[in-house]
Structure formats: C-alpha cells, structure tokens
N, C-alpha and C. Protein backbone atom coordinates (compact mmCIF):
# COMPACT_ATOMS: atom_id res chain seq x y z
N UNK A 1 -17.01 8.11 -4.93
CA UNK A 1 -16.25 8.78 -3.89
C UNK A 1 -16.13 10.24 -4.25
N UNK A 2 -16.31 11.08 -3.26
CA UNK A 2 -16.11 12.50 -3.49
C UNK A 2 -14.63 12.76 -3.73
N UNK A 3 -14.32 13.94 -4.14
CA UNK A 3 -12.95 14.30 -4.44
C UNK A 3 -12.08 14.16 -3.20
N UNK A 4 -10.93 13.54 -3.40
CA UNK A 4 -9.97 13.38 -2.32
C UNK A 4 -8.84 14.37 -2.49
N UNK A 5 -8.26 14.77 -1.38
CA UNK A 5 -7.04 15.58 -1.45
C UNK A 5 -5.89 14.70 -0.99
N UNK A 6 -4.76 14.87 -1.63
CA UNK A 6 -3.56 14.12 -1.28
C UNK A 6 -2.51 15.08 -0.78
N UNK A 7 -1.94 14.77 0.37
CA UNK A 7 -0.86 15.57 0.94
C UNK A 7 0.21 14.64 1.49
N UNK A 8 1.45 15.12 1.53
CA UNK A 8 2.49 14.29 2.15
C UNK A 8 2.10 13.98 3.60
N UNK A 9 2.37 12.75 4.01
CA UNK A 9 1.99 12.32 5.35
C UNK A 9 2.92 12.94 6.39
N UNK A 10 2.33 13.53 7.41
CA UNK A 10 3.09 14.08 8.53
C UNK A 10 3.07 13.08 9.69
N UNK A 11 3.87 13.35 10.69
CA UNK A 11 3.86 12.47 11.86
C UNK A 11 2.50 12.54 12.56
N UNK A 12 1.87 13.72 12.56
CA UNK A 12 0.53 13.84 13.14
C UNK A 12 -0.49 13.02 12.35
N UNK A 13 -0.38 13.03 11.01
CA UNK A 13 -1.26 12.19 10.19
C UNK A 13 -1.06 10.72 10.54
N UNK A 14 0.21 10.32 10.67
CA UNK A 14 0.47 8.92 10.98
C UNK A 14 -0.10 8.56 12.35
N UNK A 15 0.04 9.46 13.31
CA UNK A 15 -0.52 9.22 14.64
C UNK A 15 -2.04 9.05 14.56
N UNK A 16 -2.69 9.85 13.74
CA UNK A 16 -4.15 9.74 13.58
C UNK A 16 -4.52 8.42 12.91
N UNK A 17 -3.67 7.93 12.00
CA UNK A 17 -3.95 6.69 11.28
C UNK A 17 -3.47 5.45 12.04
N UNK A 18 -2.66 5.64 13.06
CA UNK A 18 -2.05 4.54 13.80
C UNK A 18 -3.05 3.47 14.24
N UNK A 19 -4.21 3.80 14.81
CA UNK A 19 -5.15 2.73 15.20
C UNK A 19 -5.58 1.87 14.01
N UNK A 20 -5.78 2.48 12.86
CA UNK A 20 -6.14 1.71 11.67
C UNK A 20 -4.98 0.84 11.22
N UNK A 21 -3.79 1.41 11.22
CA UNK A 21 -2.58 0.68 10.86
C UNK A 21 -2.47 -0.57 11.74
N UNK A 22 -2.60 -0.38 13.05
CA UNK A 22 -2.51 -1.51 13.99
C UNK A 22 -3.57 -2.56 13.71
N UNK A 23 -4.80 -2.14 13.46
CA UNK A 23 -5.89 -3.07 13.20
C UNK A 23 -5.60 -3.91 11.96
N UNK A 24 -5.12 -3.28 10.90
CA UNK A 24 -4.83 -3.99 9.66
C UNK A 24 -3.69 -4.98 9.87
N UNK A 25 -2.64 -4.56 10.53
CA UNK A 25 -1.48 -5.42 10.74
C UNK A 25 -1.82 -6.58 11.68
N UNK A 26 -2.56 -6.29 12.74
CA UNK A 26 -2.90 -7.33 13.71
C UNK A 26 -3.87 -8.37 13.15
N UNK A 27 -4.64 -8.00 12.13
CA UNK A 27 -5.57 -8.95 11.52
C UNK A 27 -4.83 -10.10 10.82
N UNK A 28 -3.61 -9.84 10.38
CA UNK A 28 -2.78 -10.83 9.68
C UNK A 28 -3.51 -11.46 8.49
N UNK A 29 -4.15 -10.58 7.71
CA UNK A 29 -4.87 -11.02 6.52
C UNK A 29 -4.28 -10.47 5.23
N UNK A 30 -3.57 -9.31 5.31
CA UNK A 30 -3.10 -8.67 4.08
C UNK A 30 -1.67 -8.14 4.14
N UNK A 31 -1.13 -7.87 5.31
CA UNK A 31 0.19 -7.24 5.42
C UNK A 31 1.16 -8.11 6.19
N UNK A 32 2.36 -8.31 5.63
CA UNK A 32 3.42 -9.05 6.29
C UNK A 32 4.26 -8.09 7.13
N UNK A 33 3.60 -7.50 8.10
CA UNK A 33 4.27 -6.61 9.06
C UNK A 33 4.05 -7.23 10.43
N UNK A 34 5.10 -7.25 11.24
CA UNK A 34 5.03 -7.83 12.57
C UNK A 34 3.92 -7.15 13.38
N UNK A 35 2.95 -7.90 13.87
CA UNK A 35 1.86 -7.31 14.65
C UNK A 35 2.34 -6.60 15.93
N UNK A 36 3.55 -6.91 16.36
CA UNK A 36 4.10 -6.27 17.57
C UNK A 36 4.87 -4.99 17.25
N UNK A 37 4.81 -4.52 16.02
CA UNK A 37 5.54 -3.32 15.62
C UNK A 37 5.13 -2.14 16.51
N UNK A 38 6.10 -1.34 16.87
CA UNK A 38 5.82 -0.15 17.68
C UNK A 38 5.45 1.02 16.77
N UNK A 39 4.90 2.05 17.36
CA UNK A 39 4.57 3.25 16.61
C UNK A 39 5.80 3.78 15.88
N UNK A 40 6.91 3.93 16.60
CA UNK A 40 8.12 4.51 16.00
C UNK A 40 8.66 3.63 14.87
N UNK A 41 8.64 2.31 15.06
CA UNK A 41 9.09 1.41 14.00
C UNK A 41 8.18 1.51 12.77
N UNK A 42 6.89 1.57 13.02
CA UNK A 42 5.93 1.68 11.92
C UNK A 42 6.09 3.01 11.19
N UNK A 43 6.25 4.07 11.95
CA UNK A 43 6.45 5.39 11.34
C UNK A 43 7.70 5.38 10.46
N UNK A 44 8.77 4.79 10.97
CA UNK A 44 10.01 4.69 10.21
C UNK A 44 9.77 3.92 8.91
N UNK A 45 9.12 2.76 9.03
CA UNK A 45 8.89 1.89 7.87
C UNK A 45 7.96 2.52 6.85
N UNK A 46 6.91 3.22 7.30
CA UNK A 46 5.89 3.74 6.39
C UNK A 46 6.20 5.15 5.89
N UNK A 47 6.88 5.94 6.72
CA UNK A 47 7.02 7.37 6.39
C UNK A 47 8.45 7.86 6.20
N UNK A 48 9.41 7.29 6.90
CA UNK A 48 10.77 7.82 6.85
C UNK A 48 11.62 7.14 5.79
N UNK A 49 11.55 5.82 5.73
CA UNK A 49 12.36 5.05 4.78
C UNK A 49 11.94 5.27 3.32
N UNK A 50 10.65 5.29 3.01
CA UNK A 50 10.25 5.49 1.60
C UNK A 50 10.62 6.87 1.05
N UNK A 51 10.60 6.98 -0.28
CA UNK A 51 10.81 8.28 -0.92
C UNK A 51 9.70 9.25 -0.57
N UNK A 52 8.48 8.73 -0.44
CA UNK A 52 7.32 9.59 -0.15
C UNK A 52 6.23 8.76 0.50
N UNK A 53 5.47 9.40 1.36
CA UNK A 53 4.26 8.81 1.94
C UNK A 53 3.18 9.86 1.84
N UNK A 54 2.00 9.44 1.45
CA UNK A 54 0.90 10.36 1.21
C UNK A 54 -0.33 9.93 2.00
N UNK A 55 -1.19 10.90 2.28
CA UNK A 55 -2.49 10.61 2.87
C UNK A 55 -3.58 11.08 1.92
N UNK A 56 -4.67 10.36 1.96
CA UNK A 56 -5.87 10.73 1.19
C UNK A 56 -6.92 11.17 2.21
N UNK A 57 -7.42 12.39 2.03
CA UNK A 57 -8.42 12.93 2.94
C UNK A 57 -9.65 13.36 2.14
N UNK A 58 -10.81 13.27 2.79
CA UNK A 58 -12.02 13.77 2.14
C UNK A 58 -12.12 15.27 2.34
N UNK A 59 -13.19 15.87 1.82
CA UNK A 59 -13.30 17.34 1.86
C UNK A 59 -13.40 17.89 3.28
N UNK A 60 -13.80 17.05 4.23
CA UNK A 60 -13.86 17.51 5.63
C UNK A 60 -12.53 17.33 6.35
N UNK A 61 -11.54 16.75 5.67
CA UNK A 61 -10.23 16.56 6.26
C UNK A 61 -10.04 15.22 6.96
N UNK A 62 -11.04 14.33 6.84
CA UNK A 62 -10.92 13.02 7.47
C UNK A 62 -9.92 12.17 6.67
N UNK A 63 -8.99 11.57 7.37
CA UNK A 63 -7.97 10.73 6.75
C UNK A 63 -8.58 9.37 6.41
N UNK A 64 -8.65 9.06 5.11
CA UNK A 64 -9.30 7.85 4.65
C UNK A 64 -8.32 6.75 4.27
N UNK A 65 -7.10 7.14 3.94
CA UNK A 65 -6.12 6.15 3.53
C UNK A 65 -4.74 6.75 3.42
N UNK A 66 -3.78 5.88 3.23
CA UNK A 66 -2.39 6.30 3.11
C UNK A 66 -1.63 5.32 2.22
N UNK A 67 -0.57 5.82 1.61
CA UNK A 67 0.31 4.94 0.86
C UNK A 67 1.74 5.45 0.93
N UNK A 68 2.68 4.53 0.73
CA UNK A 68 4.09 4.91 0.62
C UNK A 68 4.57 4.56 -0.78
N UNK A 69 5.66 5.19 -1.18
CA UNK A 69 6.26 4.99 -2.49
C UNK A 69 7.77 4.95 -2.29
N UNK A 70 8.39 3.88 -2.76
CA UNK A 70 9.84 3.75 -2.61
C UNK A 70 10.40 2.95 -3.77
N UNK A 71 11.71 3.01 -3.94
CA UNK A 71 12.36 2.16 -4.93
C UNK A 71 12.22 0.72 -4.47
N UNK A 72 11.96 -0.17 -5.41
CA UNK A 72 11.81 -1.58 -5.08
C UNK A 72 13.16 -2.24 -4.80
N UNK A 73 14.20 -1.72 -5.42
CA UNK A 73 15.55 -2.25 -5.24
C UNK A 73 16.53 -1.09 -5.36
N UNK A 74 17.79 -1.37 -5.12
CA UNK A 74 18.82 -0.34 -5.19
C UNK A 74 19.57 -0.42 -6.52
N UNK A 75 20.41 0.58 -6.75
CA UNK A 75 21.31 0.58 -7.90
C UNK A 75 20.60 0.35 -9.22
N UNK A 76 21.00 -0.68 -9.95
CA UNK A 76 20.44 -0.92 -11.28
C UNK A 76 18.96 -1.28 -11.28
N UNK A 77 18.38 -1.51 -10.10
CA UNK A 77 16.95 -1.83 -10.02
C UNK A 77 16.10 -0.70 -9.49
N UNK A 78 16.72 0.48 -9.31
CA UNK A 78 15.98 1.57 -8.65
C UNK A 78 15.04 2.34 -9.56
N UNK A 79 14.86 1.88 -10.78
CA UNK A 79 13.89 2.50 -11.69
C UNK A 79 12.49 1.90 -11.55
N UNK A 80 12.37 0.84 -10.74
CA UNK A 80 11.09 0.19 -10.45
C UNK A 80 10.72 0.56 -9.02
N UNK A 81 9.50 1.02 -8.83
CA UNK A 81 9.08 1.41 -7.48
C UNK A 81 8.16 0.36 -6.87
N UNK A 82 7.93 0.52 -5.61
CA UNK A 82 7.06 -0.34 -4.82
C UNK A 82 6.17 0.57 -4.00
N UNK A 83 4.93 0.16 -3.80
CA UNK A 83 3.98 0.93 -2.99
C UNK A 83 3.26 0.00 -2.03
N UNK A 84 2.78 0.58 -0.95
CA UNK A 84 1.89 -0.12 -0.04
C UNK A 84 0.74 0.82 0.27
N UNK A 85 -0.46 0.28 0.36
CA UNK A 85 -1.66 1.08 0.56
C UNK A 85 -2.45 0.54 1.75
N UNK A 86 -3.01 1.45 2.53
CA UNK A 86 -3.94 1.08 3.59
C UNK A 86 -5.13 2.03 3.55
N UNK A 87 -6.33 1.45 3.68
CA UNK A 87 -7.57 2.23 3.66
C UNK A 87 -8.30 2.01 4.98
N UNK A 88 -8.79 3.08 5.55
CA UNK A 88 -9.58 2.98 6.78
C UNK A 88 -10.81 2.11 6.51
N UNK A 89 -11.17 1.24 7.46
CA UNK A 89 -12.33 0.36 7.24
C UNK A 89 -13.60 1.10 6.82
N UNK A 90 -13.84 2.27 7.37
CA UNK A 90 -15.05 3.02 7.03
C UNK A 90 -15.04 3.55 5.60
N UNK A 91 -13.87 3.56 4.96
CA UNK A 91 -13.76 4.09 3.60
C UNK A 91 -13.63 3.01 2.54
N UNK A 92 -13.63 1.76 2.94
CA UNK A 92 -13.46 0.68 1.97
C UNK A 92 -14.66 0.58 1.04
N UNK A 93 -14.36 0.24 -0.21
CA UNK A 93 -15.41 0.09 -1.21
C UNK A 93 -15.90 1.41 -1.77
N UNK A 94 -15.19 2.49 -1.50
CA UNK A 94 -15.62 3.82 -1.93
C UNK A 94 -14.65 4.47 -2.91
N UNK A 95 -13.72 3.70 -3.44
CA UNK A 95 -12.81 4.23 -4.45
C UNK A 95 -11.53 4.83 -3.91
N UNK A 96 -11.28 4.71 -2.63
CA UNK A 96 -10.08 5.31 -2.04
C UNK A 96 -8.82 4.60 -2.53
N UNK A 97 -8.82 3.27 -2.51
CA UNK A 97 -7.64 2.53 -2.97
C UNK A 97 -7.35 2.82 -4.43
N UNK A 98 -8.38 2.86 -5.26
CA UNK A 98 -8.20 3.19 -6.68
C UNK A 98 -7.57 4.58 -6.83
N UNK A 99 -8.12 5.55 -6.12
CA UNK A 99 -7.60 6.91 -6.21
C UNK A 99 -6.15 6.98 -5.73
N UNK A 100 -5.84 6.26 -4.66
CA UNK A 100 -4.46 6.27 -4.16
C UNK A 100 -3.52 5.60 -5.16
N UNK A 101 -3.95 4.49 -5.78
CA UNK A 101 -3.10 3.82 -6.75
C UNK A 101 -2.86 4.71 -7.97
N UNK A 102 -3.90 5.36 -8.43
CA UNK A 102 -3.74 6.28 -9.57
C UNK A 102 -2.81 7.43 -9.21
N UNK A 103 -2.99 8.00 -8.01
CA UNK A 103 -2.13 9.09 -7.55
C UNK A 103 -0.68 8.61 -7.43
N UNK A 104 -0.50 7.41 -6.88
CA UNK A 104 0.86 6.90 -6.69
C UNK A 104 1.57 6.68 -8.02
N UNK A 105 0.84 6.26 -9.04
CA UNK A 105 1.46 6.07 -10.35
C UNK A 105 1.91 7.41 -10.93
N UNK A 106 1.09 8.43 -10.75
CA UNK A 106 1.46 9.77 -11.21
C UNK A 106 2.71 10.25 -10.47
N UNK A 107 2.72 10.07 -9.15
CA UNK A 107 3.88 10.49 -8.36
C UNK A 107 5.12 9.70 -8.77
N UNK A 108 4.95 8.41 -9.00
CA UNK A 108 6.08 7.56 -9.40
C UNK A 108 6.69 8.06 -10.71
N UNK A 109 5.83 8.38 -11.67
CA UNK A 109 6.34 8.90 -12.95
C UNK A 109 7.11 10.21 -12.73
N UNK A 110 6.55 11.08 -11.90
CA UNK A 110 7.21 12.36 -11.62
C UNK A 110 8.56 12.17 -10.93
N UNK A 111 8.70 11.10 -10.17
CA UNK A 111 9.96 10.80 -9.49
C UNK A 111 10.92 10.02 -10.38
N UNK A 112 10.52 9.72 -11.62
CA UNK A 112 11.40 9.08 -12.57
C UNK A 112 11.32 7.56 -12.61
N UNK A 113 10.38 6.97 -11.92
CA UNK A 113 10.23 5.52 -11.97
C UNK A 113 9.61 5.10 -13.30
N UNK A 114 10.01 3.94 -13.78
CA UNK A 114 9.54 3.43 -15.06
C UNK A 114 8.53 2.30 -14.92
N UNK A 115 8.43 1.72 -13.74
CA UNK A 115 7.51 0.62 -13.50
C UNK A 115 7.16 0.59 -12.01
N UNK A 116 6.08 -0.11 -11.70
CA UNK A 116 5.65 -0.29 -10.32
C UNK A 116 5.45 -1.78 -10.09
N UNK A 117 5.94 -2.25 -8.95
CA UNK A 117 5.82 -3.67 -8.62
C UNK A 117 5.31 -3.83 -7.19
N UNK A 118 4.37 -4.73 -7.03
CA UNK A 118 3.89 -5.12 -5.71
C UNK A 118 4.50 -6.49 -5.44
N UNK A 119 5.32 -6.60 -4.41
CA UNK A 119 6.10 -7.81 -4.17
C UNK A 119 5.33 -8.96 -3.52
N UNK A 120 4.27 -8.63 -2.80
CA UNK A 120 3.62 -9.70 -2.03
C UNK A 120 2.15 -9.36 -1.80
N UNK A 121 1.34 -9.56 -2.81
CA UNK A 121 -0.10 -9.34 -2.68
C UNK A 121 -0.71 -10.67 -2.25
N UNK A 122 -1.30 -10.68 -1.07
CA UNK A 122 -1.87 -11.91 -0.54
C UNK A 122 -2.98 -12.38 -1.48
N UNK A 123 -2.87 -13.62 -1.94
CA UNK A 123 -3.77 -14.14 -2.97
C UNK A 123 -5.24 -14.11 -2.55
N UNK A 124 -5.51 -14.24 -1.27
CA UNK A 124 -6.91 -14.23 -0.82
C UNK A 124 -7.47 -12.82 -0.71
N UNK A 125 -6.65 -11.81 -0.92
CA UNK A 125 -7.12 -10.42 -0.92
C UNK A 125 -7.68 -10.12 -2.31
N UNK A 126 -8.79 -10.79 -2.62
CA UNK A 126 -9.35 -10.77 -3.97
C UNK A 126 -9.78 -9.38 -4.42
N UNK A 127 -10.23 -8.55 -3.50
CA UNK A 127 -10.64 -7.20 -3.87
C UNK A 127 -9.44 -6.42 -4.39
N UNK A 128 -8.33 -6.50 -3.67
CA UNK A 128 -7.12 -5.79 -4.10
C UNK A 128 -6.58 -6.36 -5.41
N UNK A 129 -6.49 -7.68 -5.50
CA UNK A 129 -5.98 -8.30 -6.72
C UNK A 129 -6.80 -7.86 -7.93
N UNK A 130 -8.12 -7.89 -7.81
CA UNK A 130 -8.98 -7.49 -8.93
C UNK A 130 -8.81 -6.00 -9.26
N UNK A 131 -8.70 -5.17 -8.25
CA UNK A 131 -8.50 -3.74 -8.50
C UNK A 131 -7.18 -3.49 -9.21
N UNK A 132 -6.10 -4.10 -8.71
CA UNK A 132 -4.80 -3.87 -9.35
C UNK A 132 -4.84 -4.35 -10.80
N UNK A 133 -5.52 -5.46 -11.06
CA UNK A 133 -5.62 -5.93 -12.44
C UNK A 133 -6.41 -4.95 -13.31
N UNK A 134 -7.51 -4.40 -12.77
CA UNK A 134 -8.28 -3.41 -13.53
C UNK A 134 -7.43 -2.17 -13.83
N UNK A 135 -6.48 -1.87 -12.97
CA UNK A 135 -5.61 -0.71 -13.16
C UNK A 135 -4.37 -1.03 -13.98
N UNK A 136 -4.33 -2.23 -14.57
CA UNK A 136 -3.28 -2.56 -15.51
C UNK A 136 -2.13 -3.38 -14.97
N UNK A 137 -2.20 -3.83 -13.74
CA UNK A 137 -1.14 -4.66 -13.17
C UNK A 137 -1.37 -6.11 -13.58
N UNK A 138 -0.28 -6.80 -13.84
CA UNK A 138 -0.35 -8.22 -14.19
C UNK A 138 0.30 -9.04 -13.08
N UNK A 139 -0.24 -10.21 -12.84
CA UNK A 139 0.42 -11.15 -11.94
C UNK A 139 1.57 -11.76 -12.71
N UNK A 140 2.79 -11.51 -12.27
CA UNK A 140 3.97 -12.01 -12.98
C UNK A 140 4.63 -13.16 -12.23
N UNK A 141 4.11 -13.47 -11.06
CA UNK A 141 4.65 -14.60 -10.32
C UNK A 141 3.77 -14.95 -9.13
N UNK A 142 3.86 -16.18 -8.70
CA UNK A 142 3.17 -16.66 -7.51
C UNK A 142 4.21 -17.24 -6.57
N UNK A 143 4.15 -16.83 -5.33
CA UNK A 143 5.05 -17.33 -4.31
C UNK A 143 4.23 -18.29 -3.43
N UNK A 144 4.49 -19.58 -3.57
CA UNK A 144 3.67 -20.56 -2.84
C UNK A 144 3.83 -20.44 -1.32
N UNK A 145 2.70 -20.51 -0.62
CA UNK A 145 2.70 -20.54 0.85
C UNK A 145 3.55 -19.45 1.49
N UNK A 146 3.53 -18.26 0.92
CA UNK A 146 4.41 -17.18 1.38
C UNK A 146 3.83 -16.37 2.53
N UNK A 147 2.58 -16.62 2.88
CA UNK A 147 1.92 -15.79 3.90
C UNK A 147 1.20 -16.68 4.89
N UNK A 148 1.40 -16.40 6.20
CA UNK A 148 0.67 -17.12 7.25
C UNK A 148 -0.57 -16.32 7.62
N UNK A 149 -1.65 -16.61 6.97
CA UNK A 149 -2.93 -15.93 7.19
C UNK A 149 -3.49 -16.34 8.55
N UNK A 150 -4.09 -15.40 9.25
CA UNK A 150 -4.58 -15.64 10.61
C UNK A 150 -5.58 -16.79 10.68
N UNK A 151 -6.44 -16.93 9.69
CA UNK A 151 -7.46 -17.99 9.76
C UNK A 151 -7.32 -19.06 8.68
N UNK A 152 -6.58 -18.79 7.61
CA UNK A 152 -6.49 -19.74 6.50
C UNK A 152 -5.18 -20.52 6.46
N UNK A 153 -4.24 -20.16 7.33
CA UNK A 153 -2.95 -20.82 7.32
C UNK A 153 -2.08 -20.32 6.19
N UNK A 154 -1.22 -21.19 5.67
CA UNK A 154 -0.29 -20.79 4.61
C UNK A 154 -1.04 -20.61 3.29
N UNK A 155 -0.85 -19.44 2.69
CA UNK A 155 -1.48 -19.14 1.40
C UNK A 155 -0.46 -18.47 0.48
N UNK A 156 -0.77 -18.45 -0.79
CA UNK A 156 0.13 -17.88 -1.79
C UNK A 156 0.09 -16.35 -1.79
N UNK A 157 1.15 -15.78 -2.33
CA UNK A 157 1.20 -14.34 -2.60
C UNK A 157 1.55 -14.16 -4.07
N UNK A 158 1.10 -13.04 -4.60
CA UNK A 158 1.40 -12.70 -5.99
C UNK A 158 2.41 -11.56 -6.05
N UNK A 159 3.24 -11.62 -7.07
CA UNK A 159 4.06 -10.48 -7.48
C UNK A 159 3.30 -9.86 -8.65
N UNK A 160 3.01 -8.57 -8.53
CA UNK A 160 2.24 -7.88 -9.58
C UNK A 160 3.09 -6.72 -10.12
N UNK A 161 2.96 -6.43 -11.41
CA UNK A 161 3.83 -5.45 -12.06
C UNK A 161 3.06 -4.67 -13.12
N UNK A 162 3.50 -3.43 -13.27
CA UNK A 162 2.94 -2.58 -14.34
C UNK A 162 4.04 -1.64 -14.83
N UNK A 163 4.21 -1.55 -16.14
CA UNK A 163 5.10 -0.54 -16.71
C UNK A 163 4.39 0.80 -16.65
N UNK A 164 5.11 1.80 -16.22
CA UNK A 164 4.52 3.15 -16.15
C UNK A 164 4.84 3.88 -17.43
C-alpha cells in the first residue's frame, strides 16, 4: 500500500463514506449495527460519541477507510479503549486495515489509554481475526452465538485485547 494520510473525520468525509458504511452494515457479516440506521444516527455513533474518528486517504485524497477510538468503559475502566474499523471494498487486502490499526494504537497511547479491546469480532471474519493476532491482539474470550450472520445464522464472536 502506498503511504496513507490520516486526518480527523469530518461530516463531509462521513458523507462520502456513507455508501460504504451502509453496504458493510447491511451485509450483516461483520458489524452489529442496525441495518436501518440513519445517516445522522450513524454519524453520531461513528464520529460524535467517540473520542476521535479518523479517515485514511491515499495520495490522491481518496477515502479508503475509517476508524473510531473511544473508551471501552467509563470511570475505573476508561483506561482501555475500543476501536472499530471499516475499509472500502476497493481497498481491501492492500494494508489499509493494518495501517489504521497501527495508527489507532499510536493515537490511543497519546490519549493515555493503556490497552485496546475489541468487544465483538465476528469469528467468521477470519481475515480480521488473523490480522489483529499478527498485530499482537489475543483472543481473551468467546461469546457463543453472539452474532446473527446474514447467511450463516448464529455464530460466535471473540473479545480481543492488547496491552499498549
């Protein structure tokens, strides 16, 4: 993958990414987000509620992916962060998710987080599971039948964790 630039996500960026966001959510293969979510609800969930949301763009300015970064819990648990990543279909397999995960870990450390946790990685998302493991995340738990996959029915999800 060529060098990516990372910038905080704007509402215009989110609007440009919205069709991809909808496609990913409506597929019901990787994200436990209501497929009927509206633009404003999605923007709130992805960009307003988290501590930060970022976009990854190539040198021509094409938006290839996005991620959010937020505390996983409140109060005594707010030292552990949570992230969610989405990559445009045309950019998959080109290192965008890896670059976003590495960038998010750097941002998390700068924001004072001590660990990163993914609460619900769909077990059949083998590409993501393998990537997160290569980047040092461990599966620390399995949630049986936690996800209603569009074609596979009920499948497990993993909780994955990494100390930063």
